[in-house]
């Protein structure tokens, strides 16, 4: 697993103020997704690699997903555990055992009919 995620930094922003950016250190996977902690919340976000700069990414094309709040213990080990668990389940199991039972989940449209 340790070769699947690598230590990296991500720049996220701008926010309300056009000069309002934040830099986080986390773990990038597949050079497209980064896991990072922000004020005790473990996030997953899509990112883009910054050309000619090792281990630096910028915010991607989507919003983030909160994976855990106030995680305990080693964050890298938690991320590895989450990735291993998700890799070991099929999509239907994820939908019925994880997504559907997520606290504070709201109604959402996954638009799965486009897979026809």
N, C-alpha and C. Protein backbone atom coordinates (compact mmCIF):
# COMPACT_ATOMS: atom_id res chain seq x y z
N UNK A 1 0.82 -1.20 0.00
CA UNK A 1 0.00 0.00 0.00
C UNK A 1 0.86 1.26 0.00
N UNK A 2 1.97 1.26 0.72
CA UNK A 2 2.74 2.50 0.86
C UNK A 2 3.22 3.04 -0.48
N UNK A 3 3.29 2.19 -1.51
CA UNK A 3 3.67 2.71 -2.82
C UNK A 3 2.49 3.31 -3.57
N UNK A 4 1.28 3.14 -3.06
CA UNK A 4 0.07 3.72 -3.67
C UNK A 4 -0.12 5.17 -3.30
N UNK A 5 0.28 5.55 -2.09
CA UNK A 5 0.13 6.93 -1.65
C UNK A 5 1.51 7.51 -1.34
N UNK A 6 1.68 8.77 -1.70
CA UNK A 6 2.96 9.45 -1.51
C UNK A 6 2.73 10.81 -0.86
N UNK A 7 3.65 11.20 0.00
CA UNK A 7 3.58 12.49 0.67
C UNK A 7 3.64 13.61 -0.36
N UNK A 8 2.75 14.60 -0.22
CA UNK A 8 2.67 15.70 -1.18
C UNK A 8 2.01 16.90 -0.51
N UNK A 9 1.99 18.01 -1.23
CA UNK A 9 1.32 19.23 -0.78
C UNK A 9 0.30 19.65 -1.82
N UNK A 10 -0.75 20.32 -1.36
CA UNK A 10 -1.78 20.81 -2.26
C UNK A 10 -2.10 22.26 -1.90
N UNK A 11 -2.30 23.07 -2.93
CA UNK A 11 -2.72 24.45 -2.77
C UNK A 11 -4.20 24.50 -3.15
N UNK A 12 -5.02 24.97 -2.22
CA UNK A 12 -6.46 25.04 -2.45
C UNK A 12 -6.91 26.50 -2.35
N UNK A 13 -7.71 26.91 -3.29
CA UNK A 13 -8.22 28.27 -3.32
C UNK A 13 -8.29 28.74 -4.76
N UNK A 14 -8.60 29.98 -5.02
CA UNK A 14 -8.95 31.02 -4.06
C UNK A 14 -10.35 30.83 -3.49
N UNK A 15 -10.56 31.45 -2.35
CA UNK A 15 -11.85 31.41 -1.70
C UNK A 15 -12.53 32.76 -1.85
N UNK A 16 -13.20 33.27 -0.84
CA UNK A 16 -13.93 34.53 -0.95
C UNK A 16 -13.02 35.68 -1.39
N UNK A 17 -11.85 35.74 -0.80
CA UNK A 17 -10.86 36.74 -1.19
C UNK A 17 -10.00 36.09 -2.27
N UNK A 18 -9.84 36.73 -3.40
CA UNK A 18 -9.11 36.11 -4.52
C UNK A 18 -7.66 35.79 -4.17
N UNK A 19 -7.16 36.31 -3.08
CA UNK A 19 -5.80 36.00 -2.65
C UNK A 19 -5.80 35.05 -1.45
N UNK A 20 -6.91 34.40 -1.18
CA UNK A 20 -7.07 33.52 -0.04
C UNK A 20 -6.83 32.07 -0.47
N UNK A 21 -5.60 31.59 -0.26
CA UNK A 21 -5.20 30.23 -0.60
C UNK A 21 -4.72 29.52 0.65
N UNK A 22 -4.86 28.19 0.67
CA UNK A 22 -4.35 27.39 1.77
C UNK A 22 -3.47 26.28 1.21
N UNK A 23 -2.42 25.95 1.94
CA UNK A 23 -1.52 24.86 1.56
C UNK A 23 -1.62 23.78 2.63
N UNK A 24 -1.84 22.55 2.18
CA UNK A 24 -1.95 21.42 3.08
C UNK A 24 -0.94 20.36 2.66
N UNK A 25 -0.45 19.62 3.65
CA UNK A 25 0.38 18.47 3.36
C UNK A 25 -0.50 17.24 3.57
N UNK A 26 -0.37 16.28 2.68
CA UNK A 26 -1.17 15.07 2.77
C UNK A 26 -0.54 13.96 1.96
N UNK A 27 -1.39 13.05 1.51
CA UNK A 27 -0.93 11.89 0.75
C UNK A 27 -1.70 11.82 -0.56
N UNK A 28 -0.95 11.85 -1.67
CA UNK A 28 -1.56 11.82 -2.99
C UNK A 28 -1.62 10.37 -3.48
N UNK A 29 -2.69 10.07 -4.21
CA UNK A 29 -2.88 8.75 -4.79
C UNK A 29 -3.14 8.91 -6.28
N UNK A 30 -2.41 8.13 -7.09
CA UNK A 30 -2.58 8.13 -8.55
C UNK A 30 -2.37 9.51 -9.16
N UNK A 31 -1.64 10.37 -8.50
CA UNK A 31 -1.39 11.74 -8.96
C UNK A 31 -2.68 12.48 -9.32
N UNK A 32 -3.80 12.06 -8.73
CA UNK A 32 -5.09 12.68 -9.03
C UNK A 32 -5.92 13.00 -7.80
N UNK A 33 -5.60 12.35 -6.66
CA UNK A 33 -6.41 12.51 -5.46
C UNK A 33 -5.51 12.70 -4.26
N UNK A 34 -5.90 13.59 -3.36
CA UNK A 34 -5.10 13.81 -2.17
C UNK A 34 -5.96 13.68 -0.91
N UNK A 35 -5.40 13.03 0.08
CA UNK A 35 -5.98 12.91 1.41
C UNK A 35 -5.23 13.88 2.30
N UNK A 36 -5.94 14.71 3.07
CA UNK A 36 -5.26 15.65 3.97
C UNK A 36 -6.17 16.00 5.14
N UNK A 37 -5.53 16.43 6.22
CA UNK A 37 -6.26 16.88 7.41
C UNK A 37 -6.39 18.40 7.40
N UNK A 38 -7.59 18.86 7.74
CA UNK A 38 -7.84 20.29 7.92
C UNK A 38 -8.67 20.45 9.18
N UNK A 39 -8.07 21.01 10.21
CA UNK A 39 -8.73 21.25 11.49
C UNK A 39 -9.44 20.00 12.01
N UNK A 40 -8.73 18.87 11.98
CA UNK A 40 -9.26 17.63 12.53
C UNK A 40 -10.21 16.87 11.63
N UNK A 41 -10.32 17.29 10.37
CA UNK A 41 -11.20 16.62 9.41
C UNK A 41 -10.34 16.03 8.30
N UNK A 42 -10.54 14.74 8.01
CA UNK A 42 -9.81 14.07 6.94
C UNK A 42 -10.60 14.21 5.64
N UNK A 43 -9.96 14.85 4.66
CA UNK A 43 -10.58 15.14 3.37
C UNK A 43 -9.97 14.30 2.25
N UNK A 44 -10.76 14.10 1.20
CA UNK A 44 -10.29 13.56 -0.07
C UNK A 44 -10.71 14.53 -1.14
N UNK A 45 -9.75 14.96 -1.97
CA UNK A 45 -10.05 15.92 -3.04
C UNK A 45 -9.36 15.50 -4.32
N UNK A 46 -9.96 15.89 -5.43
CA UNK A 46 -9.33 15.72 -6.74
C UNK A 46 -8.31 16.85 -6.90
N UNK A 47 -7.15 16.53 -7.49
CA UNK A 47 -6.08 17.52 -7.67
C UNK A 47 -5.45 17.39 -9.05
N UNK A 48 -4.71 18.42 -9.43
CA UNK A 48 -3.90 18.42 -10.64
C UNK A 48 -2.44 18.62 -10.25
N UNK A 49 -1.55 17.90 -10.90
CA UNK A 49 -0.10 18.01 -10.64
C UNK A 49 0.40 19.33 -11.20
N UNK A 50 1.23 20.02 -10.43
CA UNK A 50 1.88 21.24 -10.91
C UNK A 50 3.08 20.81 -11.75
N UNK A 51 3.13 21.29 -12.97
CA UNK A 51 4.22 20.91 -13.88
C UNK A 51 5.57 21.37 -13.34
N UNK A 52 6.55 20.52 -13.47
CA UNK A 52 7.95 20.81 -13.13
C UNK A 52 8.21 21.07 -11.65
N UNK A 53 7.27 20.72 -10.78
CA UNK A 53 7.47 20.88 -9.34
C UNK A 53 7.08 19.55 -8.68
N UNK A 54 8.07 18.88 -8.09
CA UNK A 54 7.80 17.59 -7.46
C UNK A 54 6.89 17.74 -6.25
N UNK A 55 5.95 16.80 -6.12
CA UNK A 55 5.10 16.66 -4.93
C UNK A 55 4.20 17.88 -4.66
N UNK A 56 3.88 18.67 -5.68
CA UNK A 56 3.00 19.82 -5.49
C UNK A 56 1.81 19.72 -6.43
N UNK A 57 0.62 19.94 -5.86
CA UNK A 57 -0.63 19.81 -6.60
C UNK A 57 -1.49 21.04 -6.35
N UNK A 58 -2.45 21.27 -7.25
CA UNK A 58 -3.42 22.33 -7.06
C UNK A 58 -4.81 21.72 -7.04
N UNK A 59 -5.75 22.46 -6.50
CA UNK A 59 -7.13 22.02 -6.40
C UNK A 59 -7.64 21.54 -7.75
N UNK A 60 -8.42 20.48 -7.75
CA UNK A 60 -8.94 19.89 -8.98
C UNK A 60 -10.27 20.47 -9.39
N UNK A 61 -11.01 19.66 -10.13
CA UNK A 61 -12.24 20.12 -10.76
C UNK A 61 -13.50 19.84 -9.94
N UNK A 62 -13.35 19.25 -8.76
CA UNK A 62 -14.52 18.91 -7.96
C UNK A 62 -14.33 19.38 -6.53
N UNK A 63 -15.38 19.33 -5.77
CA UNK A 63 -15.27 19.62 -4.34
C UNK A 63 -14.67 18.44 -3.61
N UNK A 64 -14.60 18.55 -2.30
CA UNK A 64 -14.01 17.48 -1.51
C UNK A 64 -15.05 16.62 -0.83
N UNK A 65 -14.57 15.51 -0.29
CA UNK A 65 -15.40 14.59 0.48
C UNK A 65 -14.77 14.44 1.85
N UNK A 66 -15.55 14.61 2.90
CA UNK A 66 -15.05 14.37 4.25
C UNK A 66 -15.11 12.87 4.50
N UNK A 67 -13.96 12.29 4.84
CA UNK A 67 -13.88 10.86 5.12
C UNK A 67 -14.01 10.54 6.59
N UNK A 68 -13.53 11.44 7.45
CA UNK A 68 -13.57 11.19 8.89
C UNK A 68 -13.40 12.51 9.63
N UNK A 69 -14.01 12.58 10.80
CA UNK A 69 -13.85 13.76 11.66
C UNK A 69 -13.14 13.33 12.93
N UNK A 70 -12.14 14.10 13.31
CA UNK A 70 -11.33 13.83 14.50
C UNK A 70 -10.75 12.41 14.50
N UNK A 71 -10.07 12.03 13.39
CA UNK A 71 -9.48 10.69 13.36
C UNK A 71 -8.41 10.54 14.44
N UNK A 72 -8.29 9.35 14.96
CA UNK A 72 -7.32 9.05 16.01
C UNK A 72 -6.18 8.22 15.43
N UNK A 73 -5.01 8.36 16.01
CA UNK A 73 -3.88 7.53 15.61
C UNK A 73 -3.13 8.07 14.41
N UNK A 74 -2.38 7.21 13.77
CA UNK A 74 -1.54 7.55 12.63
C UNK A 74 -2.41 7.79 11.40
N UNK A 75 -2.36 8.99 10.85
CA UNK A 75 -3.22 9.36 9.73
C UNK A 75 -2.87 8.55 8.48
N UNK A 76 -1.60 8.34 8.22
CA UNK A 76 -1.20 7.56 7.05
C UNK A 76 -1.75 6.14 7.15
N UNK A 77 -1.68 5.53 8.32
CA UNK A 77 -2.22 4.19 8.49
C UNK A 77 -3.73 4.18 8.31
N UNK A 78 -4.42 5.22 8.77
CA UNK A 78 -5.86 5.32 8.58
C UNK A 78 -6.19 5.41 7.10
N UNK A 79 -5.47 6.25 6.37
CA UNK A 79 -5.70 6.40 4.93
C UNK A 79 -5.48 5.07 4.22
N UNK A 80 -4.39 4.39 4.57
CA UNK A 80 -4.11 3.09 3.96
C UNK A 80 -5.23 2.10 4.26
N UNK A 81 -5.74 2.12 5.48
CA UNK A 81 -6.84 1.23 5.86
C UNK A 81 -8.11 1.54 5.08
N UNK A 82 -8.42 2.81 4.91
CA UNK A 82 -9.60 3.22 4.15
C UNK A 82 -9.47 2.78 2.69
N UNK A 83 -8.31 3.03 2.09
CA UNK A 83 -8.11 2.66 0.69
C UNK A 83 -8.19 1.15 0.53
N UNK A 84 -7.56 0.40 1.42
CA UNK A 84 -7.63 -1.07 1.36
C UNK A 84 -9.07 -1.56 1.45
N UNK A 85 -9.82 -0.99 2.39
CA UNK A 85 -11.22 -1.43 2.58
C UNK A 85 -12.05 -1.12 1.35
N UNK A 86 -11.89 0.09 0.79
CA UNK A 86 -12.67 0.46 -0.39
C UNK A 86 -12.27 -0.36 -1.61
N UNK A 87 -10.99 -0.66 -1.74
CA UNK A 87 -10.54 -1.49 -2.86
C UNK A 87 -11.09 -2.91 -2.77
N UNK A 88 -11.41 -3.34 -1.57
CA UNK A 88 -11.90 -4.70 -1.36
C UNK A 88 -13.40 -4.85 -1.47
N UNK A 89 -14.13 -3.78 -1.80
CA UNK A 89 -15.59 -3.92 -1.90
C UNK A 89 -16.06 -3.52 -3.29
N UNK A 90 -17.19 -4.09 -3.68
CA UNK A 90 -17.76 -3.72 -4.97
C UNK A 90 -18.63 -2.47 -4.80
N UNK A 91 -19.06 -1.92 -5.91
CA UNK A 91 -19.80 -0.66 -5.90
C UNK A 91 -21.14 -0.79 -5.18
N UNK A 92 -21.82 -1.91 -5.37
CA UNK A 92 -23.11 -2.09 -4.71
C UNK A 92 -22.95 -2.15 -3.19
N UNK A 93 -21.91 -2.82 -2.73
CA UNK A 93 -21.64 -2.86 -1.28
C UNK A 93 -21.32 -1.46 -0.77
N UNK A 94 -20.56 -0.69 -1.52
CA UNK A 94 -20.27 0.68 -1.10
C UNK A 94 -21.56 1.49 -0.99
N UNK A 95 -22.41 1.41 -2.00
CA UNK A 95 -23.66 2.17 -1.98
C UNK A 95 -24.56 1.78 -0.81
N UNK A 96 -24.72 0.46 -0.59
CA UNK A 96 -25.68 0.01 0.41
C UNK A 96 -25.13 -0.03 1.83
N UNK A 97 -23.85 -0.29 1.98
CA UNK A 97 -23.28 -0.42 3.33
C UNK A 97 -22.57 0.84 3.83
N UNK A 98 -22.15 1.70 2.92
CA UNK A 98 -21.41 2.89 3.33
C UNK A 98 -22.20 4.16 3.02
N UNK A 99 -22.41 4.44 1.76
CA UNK A 99 -23.01 5.71 1.37
C UNK A 99 -24.43 5.88 1.93
N UNK A 100 -25.25 4.87 1.80
CA UNK A 100 -26.63 4.98 2.26
C UNK A 100 -26.73 5.18 3.77
N UNK A 101 -25.77 4.69 4.53
CA UNK A 101 -25.80 4.77 5.99
C UNK A 101 -24.90 5.86 6.56
N UNK A 102 -24.43 6.76 5.71
CA UNK A 102 -23.58 7.85 6.17
C UNK A 102 -24.42 8.86 6.95
N UNK A 103 -24.04 9.16 8.19
CA UNK A 103 -24.79 10.16 8.97
C UNK A 103 -24.81 11.51 8.24
N UNK A 104 -25.90 12.21 8.36
CA UNK A 104 -26.07 13.53 7.77
C UNK A 104 -26.11 13.51 6.24
N UNK A 105 -26.24 12.31 5.65
CA UNK A 105 -26.36 12.21 4.20
C UNK A 105 -27.66 12.86 3.77
N UNK A 106 -27.65 13.52 2.66
CA UNK A 106 -28.85 14.13 2.10
C UNK A 106 -29.21 13.37 0.83
N UNK A 107 -30.42 13.57 0.34
CA UNK A 107 -30.80 12.97 -0.93
C UNK A 107 -29.84 13.46 -2.01
N UNK A 108 -29.46 12.56 -2.89
CA UNK A 108 -28.56 12.94 -3.98
C UNK A 108 -28.93 12.14 -5.22
N UNK A 109 -28.59 12.67 -6.35
CA UNK A 109 -28.84 12.01 -7.62
C UNK A 109 -27.51 11.60 -8.22
N UNK A 110 -27.21 10.31 -8.23
CA UNK A 110 -25.95 9.82 -8.78
C UNK A 110 -25.98 9.71 -10.30
N UNK A 111 -27.16 9.85 -10.89
CA UNK A 111 -27.33 9.79 -12.35
C UNK A 111 -26.71 8.55 -12.95
N UNK A 112 -26.97 7.42 -12.30
CA UNK A 112 -26.40 6.15 -12.76
C UNK A 112 -27.00 5.66 -14.07
N UNK A 113 -28.10 6.25 -14.50
CA UNK A 113 -28.69 5.84 -15.79
C UNK A 113 -27.78 6.18 -16.97
N UNK A 114 -26.81 7.03 -16.79
CA UNK A 114 -25.91 7.37 -17.89
C UNK A 114 -24.93 6.24 -18.19
N UNK A 115 -24.91 5.20 -17.35
CA UNK A 115 -24.02 4.06 -17.57
C UNK A 115 -24.62 3.05 -18.54
N UNK A 116 -25.85 3.27 -18.99
CA UNK A 116 -26.51 2.31 -19.88
C UNK A 116 -25.82 2.22 -21.21
